[in-house]
Amino acid sequence: MDAIESPCILVCSIDEVTGYCFGCGRTRAEIAAWLAMTPSERRAVMEALPARLSTIERKPRRETRRARLARERAGNAG
C-alpha cells in the first residue's frame, strides 16, 4: 500500500471565520474525506492550501497576558 501524502501538521483547530484548519488549511469535510479522495483530488486541495492559509487571521485562542495588560492600559488611559 502506498503512503498517502497529507498536509496535516498536527495543529488541528478550525478557524470559525473561514472554516479552514489553522494548521493545514483544509475544511472539516476535506479532512474527513481525505483518505477516500483520489490522488488528483488531494493534489487539487493541496494546491489551494497556501492561498487559504493566507486568509486566516492567526489570533490566540485566549487572551494573552501581554494583550490583557495592553487592553487594561488603553482602558485606563482614556
PDB file of N, CA and C in Angstrom:
ATOM      1  N   MET A   1       0.844  -1.179   0.000  1.00  0.00           N
ATOM      2  CA  MET A   1       0.000   0.000   0.000  1.00  0.00           C
ATOM      3  C   MET A   1       0.892   1.247   0.000  1.00  0.00           C
ATOM      4  N   ASP A   2       0.575   2.198  -0.847  1.00  0.00           N
ATOM      5  CA  ASP A   2       1.343   3.432  -0.938  1.00  0.00           C
ATOM      6  C   ASP A   2       0.960   4.382   0.180  1.00  0.00           C
ATOM      7  N   ALA A   3       1.945   5.175   0.624  1.00  0.00           N
ATOM      8  CA  ALA A   3       1.683   6.197   1.639  1.00  0.00           C
ATOM      9  C   ALA A   3       0.875   7.326   1.004  1.00  0.00           C
ATOM     10  N   ILE A   4      -0.044   7.874   1.773  1.00  0.00           N
ATOM     11  CA  ILE A   4      -0.870   8.972   1.291  1.00  0.00           C
ATOM     12  C   ILE A   4      -0.300  10.271   1.840  1.00  0.00           C
ATOM     13  N   GLU A   5       0.056  11.176   0.944  1.00  0.00           N
ATOM     14  CA  GLU A   5       0.587  12.472   1.345  1.00  0.00           C
ATOM     15  C   GLU A   5      -0.515  13.269   2.039  1.00  0.00           C
ATOM     16  N   SER A   6      -0.133  13.970   3.089  1.00  0.00           N
ATOM     17  CA  SER A   6      -1.085  14.770   3.842  1.00  0.00           C
ATOM     18  C   SER A   6      -0.439  16.089   4.255  1.00  0.00           C
ATOM     19  N   PRO A   7      -1.210  17.186   4.217  1.00  0.00           N
ATOM     20  CA  PRO A   7      -0.676  18.473   4.656  1.00  0.00           C
ATOM     21  C   PRO A   7      -0.777  18.680   6.163  1.00  0.00           C
ATOM     22  N   CYS A   8      -1.287  17.701   6.882  1.00  0.00           N
ATOM     23  CA  CYS A   8      -1.511  17.826   8.321  1.00  0.00           C
ATOM     24  C   CYS A   8      -0.198  18.083   9.055  1.00  0.00           C
ATOM     25  N   ILE A   9      -0.210  19.093   9.940  1.00  0.00           N
ATOM     26  CA  ILE A   9       0.957  19.377  10.777  1.00  0.00           C
ATOM     27  C   ILE A   9       0.608  19.228  12.261  1.00  0.00           C
ATOM     28  N   LEU A  10      -0.491  18.549  12.544  1.00  0.00           N
ATOM     29  CA  LEU A  10      -0.949  18.256  13.902  1.00  0.00           C
ATOM     30  C   LEU A  10      -1.304  19.514  14.699  1.00  0.00           C
ATOM     31  N   VAL A  11      -1.790  20.520  13.998  1.00  0.00           N
ATOM     32  CA  VAL A  11      -2.354  21.713  14.631  1.00  0.00           C
ATOM     33  C   VAL A  11      -3.811  21.711  14.196  1.00  0.00           C
ATOM     34  N   CYS A  12      -4.602  20.904  14.844  1.00  0.00           N
ATOM     35  CA  CYS A  12      -5.963  20.633  14.393  1.00  0.00           C
ATOM     36  C   CYS A  12      -6.969  21.513  15.119  1.00  0.00           C
ATOM     37  N   SER A  13      -7.219  22.662  14.516  1.00  0.00           N
ATOM     38  CA  SER A  13      -8.178  23.604  15.063  1.00  0.00           C
ATOM     39  C   SER A  13      -8.764  24.383  13.900  1.00  0.00           C
ATOM     40  N   ILE A  14     -10.080  24.501  13.858  1.00  0.00           N
ATOM     41  CA  ILE A  14     -10.743  25.139  12.732  1.00  0.00           C
ATOM     42  C   ILE A  14     -11.020  26.612  13.024  1.00  0.00           C
ATOM     43  N   ASP A  15     -10.641  27.480  12.079  1.00  0.00           N
ATOM     44  CA  ASP A  15     -10.930  28.911  12.153  1.00  0.00           C
ATOM     45  C   ASP A  15     -12.431  29.090  11.945  1.00  0.00           C
ATOM     46  N   GLU A  16     -13.103  29.712  12.886  1.00  0.00           N
ATOM     47  CA  GLU A  16     -14.553  29.865  12.806  1.00  0.00           C
ATOM     48  C   GLU A  16     -14.976  30.785  11.669  1.00  0.00           C
ATOM     49  N   VAL A  17     -14.137  31.716  11.275  1.00  0.00           N
ATOM     50  CA  VAL A  17     -14.492  32.661  10.218  1.00  0.00           C
ATOM     51  C   VAL A  17     -14.408  32.014   8.840  1.00  0.00           C
ATOM     52  N   THR A  18     -13.288  31.367   8.541  1.00  0.00           N
ATOM     53  CA  THR A  18     -13.077  30.807   7.208  1.00  0.00           C
ATOM     54  C   THR A  18     -13.517  29.351   7.087  1.00  0.00           C
ATOM     55  N   GLY A  19     -13.528  28.622   8.193  1.00  0.00           N
ATOM     56  CA  GLY A  19     -13.832  27.196   8.140  1.00  0.00           C
ATOM     57  C   GLY A  19     -12.622  26.344   7.802  1.00  0.00           C
ATOM     58  N   TYR A  20     -11.436  26.973   7.736  1.00  0.00           N
ATOM     59  CA  TYR A  20     -10.207  26.254   7.410  1.00  0.00           C
ATOM     60  C   TYR A  20      -9.446  25.898   8.675  1.00  0.00           C
ATOM     61  N   CYS A  21      -8.736  24.779   8.629  1.00  0.00           N
ATOM     62  CA  CYS A  21      -7.879  24.369   9.731  1.00  0.00           C
ATOM     63  C   CYS A  21      -6.708  25.342   9.833  1.00  0.00           C
ATOM     64  N   PHE A  22      -6.395  25.792  11.049  1.00  0.00           N
ATOM     65  CA  PHE A  22      -5.269  26.692  11.262  1.00  0.00           C
ATOM     66  C   PHE A  22      -3.956  26.055  10.825  1.00  0.00           C
ATOM     67  N   GLY A  23      -3.843  24.756  10.971  1.00  0.00           N
ATOM     68  CA  GLY A  23      -2.588  24.080  10.658  1.00  0.00           C
ATOM     69  C   GLY A  23      -2.394  23.770   9.192  1.00  0.00           C
ATOM     70  N   CYS A  24      -3.390  23.173   8.561  1.00  0.00           N
ATOM     71  CA  CYS A  24      -3.202  22.710   7.180  1.00  0.00           C
ATOM     72  C   CYS A  24      -4.015  23.461   6.143  1.00  0.00           C
ATOM     73  N   GLY A  25      -5.090  24.136   6.553  1.00  0.00           N
ATOM     74  CA  GLY A  25      -5.898  24.894   5.604  1.00  0.00           C
ATOM     75  C   GLY A  25      -7.061  24.137   5.002  1.00  0.00           C
ATOM     76  N   ARG A  26      -7.218  22.856   5.371  1.00  0.00           N
ATOM     77  CA  ARG A  26      -8.347  22.101   4.827  1.00  0.00           C
ATOM     78  C   ARG A  26      -9.619  22.384   5.613  1.00  0.00           C
ATOM     79  N   THR A  27     -10.767  22.094   4.982  1.00  0.00           N
ATOM     80  CA  THR A  27     -12.050  22.192   5.663  1.00  0.00           C
ATOM     81  C   THR A  27     -12.293  20.893   6.425  1.00  0.00           C
ATOM     82  N   ARG A  28     -13.283  20.911   7.314  1.00  0.00           N
ATOM     83  CA  ARG A  28     -13.637  19.675   8.034  1.00  0.00           C
ATOM     84  C   ARG A  28     -14.000  18.566   7.059  1.00  0.00           C
ATOM     85  N   ALA A  29     -14.770  18.909   6.034  1.00  0.00           N
ATOM     86  CA  ALA A  29     -15.200  17.910   5.053  1.00  0.00           C
ATOM     87  C   ALA A  29     -14.002  17.312   4.311  1.00  0.00           C
ATOM     88  N   GLU A  30     -13.041  18.146   3.954  1.00  0.00           N
ATOM     89  CA  GLU A  30     -11.849  17.644   3.263  1.00  0.00           C
ATOM     90  C   GLU A  30     -11.020  16.755   4.165  1.00  0.00           C
ATOM     91  N   ILE A  31     -10.901  17.135   5.425  1.00  0.00           N
ATOM     92  CA  ILE A  31     -10.151  16.311   6.383  1.00  0.00           C
ATOM     93  C   ILE A  31     -10.817  14.952   6.528  1.00  0.00           C
ATOM     94  N   ALA A  32     -12.144  14.951   6.656  1.00  0.00           N
ATOM     95  CA  ALA A  32     -12.885  13.693   6.833  1.00  0.00           C
ATOM     96  C   ALA A  32     -12.800  12.802   5.599  1.00  0.00           C
ATOM     97  N   ALA A  33     -12.776  13.405   4.414  1.00  0.00           N
ATOM     98  CA  ALA A  33     -12.794  12.632   3.174  1.00  0.00           C
ATOM     99  C   ALA A  33     -11.406  12.334   2.623  1.00  0.00           C
ATOM    100  N   TRP A  34     -10.356  12.822   3.280  1.00  0.00           N
ATOM    101  CA  TRP A  34      -9.002  12.766   2.736  1.00  0.00           C
ATOM    102  C   TRP A  34      -8.592  11.379   2.256  1.00  0.00           C
ATOM    103  N   LEU A  35      -8.808  10.366   3.059  1.00  0.00           N
ATOM    104  CA  LEU A  35      -8.372   9.010   2.684  1.00  0.00           C
ATOM    105  C   LEU A  35      -9.174   8.435   1.525  1.00  0.00           C
ATOM    106  N   ALA A  36     -10.406   8.906   1.338  1.00  0.00           N
ATOM    107  CA  ALA A  36     -11.250   8.405   0.253  1.00  0.00           C
ATOM    108  C   ALA A  36     -11.030   9.170  -1.056  1.00  0.00           C
ATOM    109  N   MET A  37     -10.338  10.303  -1.003  1.00  0.00           N
ATOM    110  CA  MET A  37     -10.093  11.096  -2.209  1.00  0.00           C
ATOM    111  C   MET A  37      -9.086  10.399  -3.119  1.00  0.00           C
ATOM    112  N   THR A  38      -9.210  10.697  -4.395  1.00  0.00           N
ATOM    113  CA  THR A  38      -8.228  10.199  -5.354  1.00  0.00           C
ATOM    114  C   THR A  38      -6.964  11.053  -5.223  1.00  0.00           C
ATOM    115  N   PRO A  39      -5.838  10.557  -5.692  1.00  0.00           N
ATOM    116  CA  PRO A  39      -4.618  11.371  -5.650  1.00  0.00           C
ATOM    117  C   PRO A  39      -4.785  12.727  -6.343  1.00  0.00           C
ATOM    118  N   SER A  40      -5.501  12.782  -7.454  1.00  0.00           N
ATOM    119  CA  SER A  40      -5.683  14.060  -8.144  1.00  0.00           C
ATOM    120  C   SER A  40      -6.572  15.001  -7.334  1.00  0.00           C
ATOM    121  N   GLU A  41      -7.564  14.475  -6.636  1.00  0.00           N
ATOM    122  CA  GLU A  41      -8.401  15.316  -5.768  1.00  0.00           C
ATOM    123  C   GLU A  41      -7.569  15.887  -4.617  1.00  0.00           C
ATOM    124  N   ARG A  42      -6.731  15.047  -4.018  1.00  0.00           N
ATOM    125  CA  ARG A  42      -5.873  15.525  -2.931  1.00  0.00           C
ATOM    126  C   ARG A  42      -4.890  16.587  -3.429  1.00  0.00           C
ATOM    127  N   ARG A  43      -4.313  16.376  -4.614  1.00  0.00           N
ATOM    128  CA  ARG A  43      -3.386  17.369  -5.176  1.00  0.00           C
ATOM    129  C   ARG A  43      -4.093  18.702  -5.409  1.00  0.00           C
ATOM    130  N   ALA A  44      -5.325  18.659  -5.898  1.00  0.00           N
ATOM    131  CA  ALA A  44      -6.082  19.894  -6.152  1.00  0.00           C
ATOM    132  C   ALA A  44      -6.316  20.657  -4.854  1.00  0.00           C
ATOM    133  N   VAL A  45      -6.650  19.933  -3.795  1.00  0.00           N
ATOM    134  CA  VAL A  45      -6.846  20.582  -2.492  1.00  0.00           C
ATOM    135  C   VAL A  45      -5.527  21.165  -2.017  1.00  0.00           C
ATOM    136  N   MET A  46      -4.446  20.396  -2.130  1.00  0.00           N
ATOM    137  CA  MET A  46      -3.151  20.857  -1.632  1.00  0.00           C
ATOM    138  C   MET A  46      -2.663  22.097  -2.385  1.00  0.00           C
ATOM    139  N   GLU A  47      -3.004  22.214  -3.655  1.00  0.00           N
ATOM    140  CA  GLU A  47      -2.629  23.403  -4.417  1.00  0.00           C
ATOM    141  C   GLU A  47      -3.350  24.650  -3.906  1.00  0.00           C
ATOM    142  N   ALA A  48      -4.541  24.490  -3.345  1.00  0.00           N
ATOM    143  CA  ALA A  48      -5.324  25.621  -2.845  1.00  0.00           C
ATOM    144  C   ALA A  48      -4.915  26.042  -1.435  1.00  0.00           C
ATOM    145  N   LEU A  49      -4.186  25.202  -0.720  1.00  0.00           N
ATOM    146  CA  LEU A  49      -3.906  25.463   0.697  1.00  0.00           C
ATOM    147  C   LEU A  49      -3.093  26.727   0.982  1.00  0.00           C
ATOM    148  N   PRO A  50      -2.038  27.041   0.246  1.00  0.00           N
ATOM    149  CA  PRO A  50      -1.292  28.267   0.564  1.00  0.00           C
ATOM    150  C   PRO A  50      -2.172  29.525   0.518  1.00  0.00           C
ATOM    151  N   ALA A  51      -3.028  29.624  -0.486  1.00  0.00           N
ATOM    152  CA  ALA A  51      -3.913  30.787  -0.589  1.00  0.00           C
ATOM    153  C   ALA A  51      -4.910  30.808   0.568  1.00  0.00           C
ATOM    154  N   ARG A  52      -5.426  29.655   0.931  1.00  0.00           N
ATOM    155  CA  ARG A  52      -6.365  29.581   2.053  1.00  0.00           C
ATOM    156  C   ARG A  52      -5.711  30.013   3.353  1.00  0.00           C
ATOM    157  N   LEU A  53      -4.520  29.480   3.611  1.00  0.00           N
ATOM    158  CA  LEU A  53      -3.838  29.792   4.868  1.00  0.00           C
ATOM    159  C   LEU A  53      -3.545  31.282   4.996  1.00  0.00           C
ATOM    160  N   SER A  54      -3.341  31.950   3.872  1.00  0.00           N
ATOM    161  CA  SER A  54      -3.068  33.391   3.927  1.00  0.00           C
ATOM    162  C   SER A  54      -4.306  34.194   4.307  1.00  0.00           C
ATOM    163  N   THR A  55      -5.501  33.592   4.236  1.00  0.00           N
ATOM    164  CA  THR A  55      -6.734  34.304   4.598  1.00  0.00           C
ATOM    165  C   THR A  55      -7.087  34.165   6.066  1.00  0.00           C
ATOM    166  N   ILE A  56      -6.405  33.276   6.768  1.00  0.00           N
ATOM    167  CA  ILE A  56      -6.720  33.036   8.179  1.00  0.00           C
ATOM    168  C   ILE A  56      -6.004  34.056   9.042  1.00  0.00           C
ATOM    169  N   GLU A  57      -6.773  34.752   9.868  1.00  0.00           N
ATOM    170  CA  GLU A  57      -6.162  35.658  10.838  1.00  0.00           C
ATOM    171  C   GLU A  57      -5.763  34.810  12.031  1.00  0.00           C
ATOM    172  N   ARG A  58      -4.479  34.700  12.249  1.00  0.00           N
ATOM    173  CA  ARG A  58      -3.984  33.855  13.330  1.00  0.00           C
ATOM    174  C   ARG A  58      -3.999  34.635  14.637  1.00  0.00           C
ATOM    175  N   LYS A  59      -4.995  34.366  15.429  1.00  0.00           N
ATOM    176  CA  LYS A  59      -5.146  35.021  16.721  1.00  0.00           C
ATOM    177  C   LYS A  59      -5.067  33.964  17.813  1.00  0.00           C
ATOM    178  N   PRO A  60      -4.561  34.345  18.982  1.00  0.00           N
ATOM    179  CA  PRO A  60      -4.534  33.376  20.068  1.00  0.00           C
ATOM    180  C   PRO A  60      -5.949  32.944  20.437  1.00  0.00           C
ATOM    181  N   ARG A  61      -6.101  31.709  20.862  1.00  0.00           N
ATOM    182  CA  ARG A  61      -7.408  31.219  21.285  1.00  0.00           C
ATOM    183  C   ARG A  61      -7.886  31.917  22.541  1.00  0.00           C
ATOM    184  N   ARG A  62      -6.951  32.342  23.354  1.00  0.00           N
ATOM    185  CA  ARG A  62      -7.318  33.038  24.587  1.00  0.00           C
ATOM    186  C   ARG A  62      -6.483  34.297  24.670  1.00  0.00           C
ATOM    187  N   GLU A  63      -6.926  35.203  25.469  1.00  0.00           N
ATOM    188  CA  GLU A  63      -6.207  36.455  25.615  1.00  0.00           C
ATOM    189  C   GLU A  63      -4.876  36.202  26.315  1.00  0.00           C
ATOM    190  N   THR A  64      -3.807  36.696  25.721  1.00  0.00           N
ATOM    191  CA  THR A  64      -2.500  36.536  26.337  1.00  0.00           C
ATOM    192  C   THR A  64      -2.313  37.595  27.421  1.00  0.00           C
ATOM    193  N   ARG A  65      -1.363  37.363  28.280  1.00  0.00           N
ATOM    194  CA  ARG A  65      -1.079  38.322  29.356  1.00  0.00           C
ATOM    195  C   ARG A  65      -0.702  39.673  28.765  1.00  0.00           C
ATOM    196  N   ARG A  66       0.122  39.654  27.733  1.00  0.00           N
ATOM    197  CA  ARG A  66       0.548  40.891  27.087  1.00  0.00           C
ATOM    198  C   ARG A  66      -0.660  41.651  26.527  1.00  0.00           C
ATOM    199  N   ALA A  67      -1.568  40.947  25.861  1.00  0.00           N
ATOM    200  CA  ALA A  67      -2.760  41.594  25.297  1.00  0.00           C
ATOM    201  C   ALA A  67      -3.660  42.138  26.402  1.00  0.00           C
ATOM    202  N   ARG A  68      -3.797  41.396  27.493  1.00  0.00           N
ATOM    203  CA  ARG A  68      -4.630  41.856  28.607  1.00  0.00           C
ATOM    204  C   ARG A  68      -4.060  43.126  29.221  1.00  0.00           C
ATOM    205  N   LEU A  69      -2.744  43.151  29.438  1.00  0.00           N
ATOM    206  CA  LEU A  69      -2.113  44.343  30.008  1.00  0.00           C
ATOM    207  C   LEU A  69      -2.265  45.544  29.079  1.00  0.00           C
ATOM    208  N   ALA A  70      -2.102  45.331  27.781  1.00  0.00           N
ATOM    209  CA  ALA A  70      -2.259  46.425  26.817  1.00  0.00           C
ATOM    210  C   ALA A  70      -3.694  46.933  26.819  1.00  0.00           C
ATOM    211  N   ARG A  71      -4.671  46.018  26.888  1.00  0.00           N
ATOM    212  CA  ARG A  71      -6.076  46.416  26.931  1.00  0.00           C
ATOM    213  C   ARG A  71      -6.369  47.197  28.206  1.00  0.00           C
ATOM    214  N   GLU A  72      -5.838  46.748  29.312  1.00  0.00           N
ATOM    215  CA  GLU A  72      -6.068  47.456  30.591  1.00  0.00           C
ATOM    216  C   GLU A  72      -5.436  48.837  30.575  1.00  0.00           C
ATOM    217  N   ARG A  73      -4.219  48.952  30.012  1.00  0.00           N
ATOM    218  CA  ARG A  73      -3.566  50.270  29.917  1.00  0.00           C
ATOM    219  C   ARG A  73      -4.379  51.206  29.027  1.00  0.00           C
ATOM    220  N   ALA A  74      -4.872  50.693  27.910  1.00  0.00           N
ATOM    221  CA  ALA A  74      -5.661  51.513  26.995  1.00  0.00           C
ATOM    222  C   ALA A  74      -6.957  51.978  27.664  1.00  0.00           C
ATOM    223  N   GLY A  75      -7.556  51.108  28.466  1.00  0.00           N
ATOM    224  CA  GLY A  75      -8.789  51.473  29.165  1.00  0.00           C
ATOM    225  C   GLY A  75      -8.553  52.522  30.242  1.00  0.00           C
ATOM    226  N   ASN A  76      -7.416  52.469  30.884  1.00  0.00           N
ATOM    227  CA  ASN A  76      -7.081  53.431  31.948  1.00  0.00           C
ATOM    228  C   ASN A  76      -6.574  54.753  31.383  1.00  0.00           C
ATOM    229  N   ALA A  77      -6.122  54.757  30.137  1.00  0.00           N
ATOM    230  CA  ALA A  77      -5.548  55.986  29.546  1.00  0.00           C
ATOM    231  C   ALA A  77      -6.628  56.967  29.114  1.00  0.00           C
ATOM    232  N   GLY A  78      -7.818  56.468  28.836  1.00  0.00           N
ATOM    233  CA  GLY A  78      -8.876  57.305  28.282  1.00  0.00           C
ATOM    234  C   GLY A  78      -9.668  57.953  29.313  1.00  0.00           C
TER     235      GLY A  78
END
